[in-house]
């Protein structure tokens, strides 16, 4: 019986169809923090903003299959990391061929498929587990005023991305058979506190945003202050740009379009 089973397995292996597609390109997608992530930045209102922790769970990197692009794989896992101590970190290794537009997810932390990256530990994993894809803790200081703040992110998905902010054309990557490429993403948490049209410039008045006067900005207060700036969303040539579009984008490109999928699935495409 054991011999028959072994023969059956060998026959099945021998009968599998051969993959006749051209060998794909190998694409390493990385993520690195902006200078402001570790050094802080000044707002136009004179507040110095510093991030104590910027945790991000990034993964499910891939290229949607279409007439111009053939994808061979995408990443099922994700990396949890603290961007304040990160350098250039791996987000995913994928394979595709043709003119391809990158898409990537920031899924909520799932202990079964989330790997601990630089600066992450089990305590952070537990804090974000099954609820959050990112958390920001920091403070704003001006004169004698010192206001800590917090900001939490749920699941989001981005891509494809624009060539640059005002460009109507979408960026794609020409991937040749057998080639090896790297696509670096830039994470800029300061963009979440800035206007969508000028992601490096923040006009937030943290003192005025602290509406209950407890010298601590909760998420609802921070969001209300951002909405009051009336520049938290834009439309370029019919394409919707939001603050998250500038938070995570190609290092040498423009903002990424939000991917409005109704629910988080294991296969992103």
Protein backbone atom coordinates (compact mmCIF):
# COMPACT_ATOMS: atom_id res chain seq x y z
CA UNK A 1 0.00 0.00 0.00
CA UNK A 2 2.87 2.36 0.89
CA UNK A 3 4.53 1.56 -2.48
CA UNK A 4 1.32 2.30 -4.38
CA UNK A 5 0.95 5.65 -2.58
CA UNK A 6 4.53 6.60 -3.45
CA UNK A 7 3.98 5.66 -7.10
CA UNK A 8 0.79 7.73 -7.20
CA UNK A 9 2.59 10.78 -5.82
CA UNK A 10 5.45 10.36 -8.33
CA UNK A 11 2.97 10.08 -11.18
CA UNK A 12 1.10 13.18 -10.04
CA UNK A 13 4.35 15.15 -9.86
CA UNK A 14 5.35 13.98 -13.31
CA UNK A 15 2.00 14.92 -14.77
CA UNK A 16 1.94 18.51 -13.51
CA UNK A 17 1.80 20.98 -16.42
CA UNK A 18 5.02 22.87 -17.16
CA UNK A 19 4.92 26.66 -16.66
CA UNK A 20 5.58 27.95 -20.18
CA UNK A 21 5.54 31.64 -19.24
CA UNK A 22 8.69 33.72 -19.57
CA UNK A 23 10.77 33.93 -16.39
CA UNK A 24 9.51 36.92 -14.40
CA UNK A 25 11.39 39.90 -13.04
CA UNK A 26 12.25 39.92 -9.34
CA UNK A 27 11.14 43.07 -7.53
CA UNK A 28 12.25 44.00 -4.03
CA UNK A 29 9.94 46.62 -2.48
CA UNK A 30 11.47 48.52 0.43
CA UNK A 31 10.25 51.23 2.78
CA UNK A 32 12.34 53.95 4.42
CA UNK A 33 11.41 56.87 6.71
CA UNK A 34 11.57 60.55 5.88
CA UNK A 35 14.08 62.72 7.74
CA UNK A 36 11.26 64.29 9.76
CA UNK A 37 10.36 60.86 11.14
CA UNK A 38 13.46 60.83 13.32
CA UNK A 39 14.46 64.52 13.37
CA UNK A 40 11.06 66.23 13.67
CA UNK A 41 9.83 69.30 11.80
CA UNK A 42 8.49 72.83 12.28
CA UNK A 43 4.95 73.93 11.45
CA UNK A 44 4.15 77.31 9.93
CA UNK A 45 2.61 78.24 13.32
CA UNK A 46 5.97 77.78 15.05
CA UNK A 47 5.35 74.38 16.66
CA UNK A 48 8.19 71.85 16.70
CA UNK A 49 6.78 68.37 16.14
CA UNK A 50 8.67 65.24 17.16
CA UNK A 51 7.61 61.61 16.74
CA UNK A 52 8.32 59.23 19.62
CA UNK A 53 7.03 56.21 17.73
CA UNK A 54 5.67 55.62 14.23
CA UNK A 55 4.60 52.00 13.96
CA UNK A 56 3.53 50.70 10.54
CA UNK A 57 2.38 47.27 9.39
CA UNK A 58 3.09 47.00 5.67
CA UNK A 59 2.69 44.03 3.37
CA UNK A 60 0.65 42.34 0.66
CA UNK A 61 2.78 43.95 -2.01
CA UNK A 62 2.05 43.08 -5.61
CA UNK A 63 1.08 44.06 -9.13
CA UNK A 64 -2.53 43.68 -10.31
CA UNK A 65 -2.75 41.40 -13.33
CA UNK A 66 -3.97 43.10 -16.53
CA UNK A 67 -3.25 43.26 -20.28
CA UNK A 68 0.07 45.02 -19.70
CA UNK A 69 1.26 43.21 -16.60
CA UNK A 70 1.51 39.57 -15.63
CA UNK A 71 2.03 38.96 -11.95
CA UNK A 72 3.54 35.71 -10.75
CA UNK A 73 3.33 36.28 -7.01
CA UNK A 74 2.48 38.72 -4.24
CA UNK A 75 3.39 38.77 -0.56
CA UNK A 76 0.91 37.22 1.84
CA UNK A 77 2.71 38.37 4.97
CA UNK A 78 3.35 41.82 6.45
CA UNK A 79 6.12 43.53 8.41
CA UNK A 80 5.53 45.51 11.59
CA UNK A 81 8.21 48.13 12.23
CA UNK A 82 8.90 51.36 14.06
CA UNK A 83 9.88 53.91 11.43
CA UNK A 84 11.64 56.17 13.94
CA UNK A 85 14.46 53.60 14.14
CA UNK A 86 14.12 52.10 10.66
CA UNK A 87 16.51 52.59 7.77
CA UNK A 88 15.66 50.96 4.44
CA UNK A 89 13.58 47.91 5.28
CA UNK A 90 12.12 45.07 3.24
CA UNK A 91 8.39 45.31 2.56
CA UNK A 92 8.08 42.43 0.10
CA UNK A 93 9.70 40.41 -2.67
CA UNK A 94 7.43 39.84 -5.66
CA UNK A 95 7.61 38.61 -9.24
CA UNK A 96 5.93 40.08 -12.32
CA UNK A 97 6.52 40.92 -15.97
CA UNK A 98 5.56 43.85 -18.20
CA UNK A 99 4.38 47.39 -17.50
CA UNK A 100 3.10 47.05 -13.97
CA UNK A 101 1.54 49.41 -11.44
CA UNK A 102 2.46 48.75 -7.83
CA UNK A 103 -0.14 48.25 -5.12
CA UNK A 104 0.47 47.61 -1.44
CA UNK A 105 -1.49 47.25 1.77
CA UNK A 106 -1.15 48.38 5.33
CA UNK A 107 -3.32 45.64 6.86
CA UNK A 108 -4.31 45.47 10.49
CA UNK A 109 -1.83 43.45 12.50
CA UNK A 110 -2.59 39.73 12.37
CA UNK A 111 -0.28 37.68 14.61
CA UNK A 112 -0.54 34.73 12.19
CA UNK A 113 0.97 36.56 9.21
CA UNK A 114 2.71 39.61 10.72
CA UNK A 115 6.48 39.47 11.14
CA UNK A 116 8.31 41.59 13.68
CA UNK A 117 10.62 44.08 11.98
CA UNK A 118 13.01 46.69 13.32
CA UNK A 119 11.83 48.37 16.52
CA UNK A 120 8.79 46.09 16.91
CA UNK A 121 8.18 43.69 19.77
CA UNK A 122 5.41 41.51 21.18
CA UNK A 123 3.99 44.41 23.21
CA UNK A 124 3.48 46.48 20.05
CA UNK A 125 2.04 43.43 18.29
CA UNK A 126 -0.50 43.01 21.11
CA UNK A 127 -1.36 46.73 21.12
CA UNK A 128 -2.26 46.73 17.42
CA UNK A 129 -3.48 43.16 17.01
CA UNK A 130 -6.57 42.79 14.81
CA UNK A 131 -7.38 46.51 15.07
CA UNK A 132 -4.65 48.80 13.74
CA UNK A 133 -2.23 49.08 10.83
CA UNK A 134 -0.34 52.04 12.26
CA UNK A 135 0.09 54.13 15.39
CA UNK A 136 1.82 57.48 15.88
CA UNK A 137 2.86 58.94 19.20
CA UNK A 138 4.59 62.30 19.40
CA UNK A 139 4.49 65.80 20.77
CA UNK A 140 4.36 69.42 19.66
CA UNK A 141 6.35 72.06 21.55
CA UNK A 142 6.26 75.85 21.36
CA UNK A 143 7.66 78.13 24.05
CA UNK A 144 6.38 76.82 27.38
CA UNK A 145 3.68 74.70 25.71
CA UNK A 146 4.14 70.96 25.36
CA UNK A 147 1.31 68.90 23.81
CA UNK A 148 1.62 65.14 23.28
CA UNK A 149 -0.59 63.58 20.60
CA UNK A 150 -1.66 60.20 19.29
CA UNK A 151 -2.89 59.07 15.91
CA UNK A 152 -4.09 55.60 14.91
CA UNK A 153 -4.61 54.10 11.46
CA UNK A 154 -6.90 51.28 10.41
CA UNK A 155 -6.45 49.09 7.37
CA UNK A 156 -5.67 50.94 4.13
CA UNK A 157 -4.53 50.03 0.64
CA UNK A 158 -2.74 52.24 -1.90
CA UNK A 159 -1.85 52.11 -5.58
CA UNK A 160 -1.26 52.66 -8.34
CA UNK A 161 0.70 55.87 -7.84
CA UNK A 162 1.12 59.09 -9.79
CA UNK A 163 4.39 60.08 -11.44
CA UNK A 164 4.33 63.31 -9.41
CA UNK A 165 1.73 65.31 -7.52
CA UNK A 166 0.24 67.30 -10.39
CA UNK A 167 0.72 64.68 -13.10
CA UNK A 168 -2.36 62.96 -14.51
CA UNK A 169 -0.34 59.92 -15.66
CA UNK A 170 0.08 56.89 -13.43
CA UNK A 171 3.52 55.52 -12.72
CA UNK A 172 4.32 52.03 -13.93
CA UNK A 173 7.44 49.95 -13.87
CA UNK A 174 8.73 48.19 -16.99
CA UNK A 175 9.80 44.79 -15.73
CA UNK A 176 11.83 42.66 -18.13
CA UNK A 177 12.15 38.90 -17.98
CA UNK A 178 14.90 37.83 -15.61
CA UNK A 179 15.53 41.39 -14.39
CA UNK A 180 16.08 42.37 -10.77
CA UNK A 181 14.62 45.64 -9.51
CA UNK A 182 14.11 47.60 -6.32
CA UNK A 183 11.19 49.96 -5.69
CA UNK A 184 11.80 52.14 -2.60
CA UNK A 185 8.78 53.55 -0.78
CA UNK A 186 9.08 56.63 1.41
CA UNK A 187 7.08 56.85 4.64
CA UNK A 188 6.42 60.45 5.72
CA UNK A 189 4.31 60.70 8.89
CA UNK A 190 4.55 64.50 8.74
CA UNK A 191 2.27 64.28 5.68
CA UNK A 192 -0.55 63.11 7.97
CA UNK A 193 -0.32 66.45 9.80
CA UNK A 194 0.05 68.59 6.65
CA UNK A 195 -2.08 69.74 3.74
CA UNK A 196 -2.58 67.21 0.96
CA UNK A 197 -1.24 69.65 -1.66
CA UNK A 198 1.92 70.40 0.35
CA UNK A 199 2.76 67.23 2.31
CA UNK A 200 5.87 68.70 3.94
CA UNK A 201 4.16 71.87 5.16
CA UNK A 202 1.92 71.83 8.22
CA UNK A 203 -0.10 74.83 9.40
CA UNK A 204 -1.62 73.03 12.37
CA UNK A 205 -2.01 75.10 15.52
CA UNK A 206 -1.70 72.42 18.17
CA UNK A 207 -2.74 74.80 20.92
CA UNK A 208 -6.05 75.63 19.24
CA UNK A 209 -6.58 71.95 18.36
CA UNK A 210 -6.54 71.04 22.06
CA UNK A 211 -10.20 71.91 22.48
CA UNK A 212 -10.65 70.43 25.96
CA UNK A 213 -7.53 72.15 27.29
CA UNK A 214 -5.99 69.03 28.87
CA UNK A 215 -2.63 69.49 27.06
CA UNK A 216 -3.06 66.20 25.19
CA UNK A 217 -4.35 65.78 21.64
CA UNK A 218 -6.51 62.75 21.17
CA UNK A 219 -7.25 61.35 17.73
CA UNK A 220 -10.68 63.01 17.44
CA UNK A 221 -9.22 66.44 18.25
CA UNK A 222 -6.38 65.96 15.78
CA UNK A 223 -8.70 64.80 13.00
CA UNK A 224 -11.05 67.74 13.61
CA UNK A 225 -8.08 70.13 13.35
CA UNK A 226 -6.95 68.53 10.08
CA UNK A 227 -10.45 68.74 8.60
CA UNK A 228 -10.64 72.41 9.56
CA UNK A 229 -7.63 73.10 7.33
CA UNK A 230 -9.91 72.25 4.39
CA UNK A 231 -6.97 70.73 2.47
CA UNK A 232 -7.04 67.10 3.54
CA UNK A 233 -8.30 65.79 0.17
CA UNK A 234 -7.83 66.74 -3.47
CA UNK A 235 -8.85 65.57 -6.93
CA UNK A 236 -6.30 65.60 -9.75
CA UNK A 237 -7.56 64.76 -13.23
CA UNK A 238 -10.38 62.80 -11.65
CA UNK A 239 -8.07 60.93 -9.29
CA UNK A 240 -8.69 61.20 -5.54
CA UNK A 241 -5.72 62.07 -3.32
CA UNK A 242 -5.89 61.86 0.48
CA UNK A 243 -3.40 62.37 3.32
CA UNK A 244 -2.50 58.68 3.27
CA UNK A 245 -1.56 59.07 -0.40
CA UNK A 246 1.39 61.22 0.68
CA UNK A 247 2.18 59.27 3.84
CA UNK A 248 3.32 56.21 1.89
CA UNK A 249 4.49 56.72 -1.69
CA UNK A 250 7.37 55.88 -4.06
CA UNK A 251 10.50 57.72 -2.95
CA UNK A 252 11.00 59.17 -6.43
CA UNK A 253 7.36 59.51 -7.43
CA UNK A 254 4.05 61.06 -6.55
CA UNK A 255 1.17 60.20 -4.23
CA UNK A 256 -0.62 56.86 -4.42
CA UNK A 257 -4.32 56.49 -5.07
CA UNK A 258 -6.44 54.97 -2.31
CA UNK A 259 -7.64 51.53 -3.25
CA UNK A 260 -11.29 51.53 -2.16
CA UNK A 261 -11.89 47.85 -1.54
CA UNK A 262 -14.91 47.03 0.64
CA UNK A 263 -13.18 44.53 2.89
CA UNK A 264 -9.80 43.14 3.72
CA UNK A 265 -9.19 39.84 1.98
CA UNK A 266 -6.22 37.53 2.21
CA UNK A 267 -5.56 37.82 -1.53
CA UNK A 268 -5.27 41.56 -2.20
CA UNK A 269 -5.96 41.27 -5.91
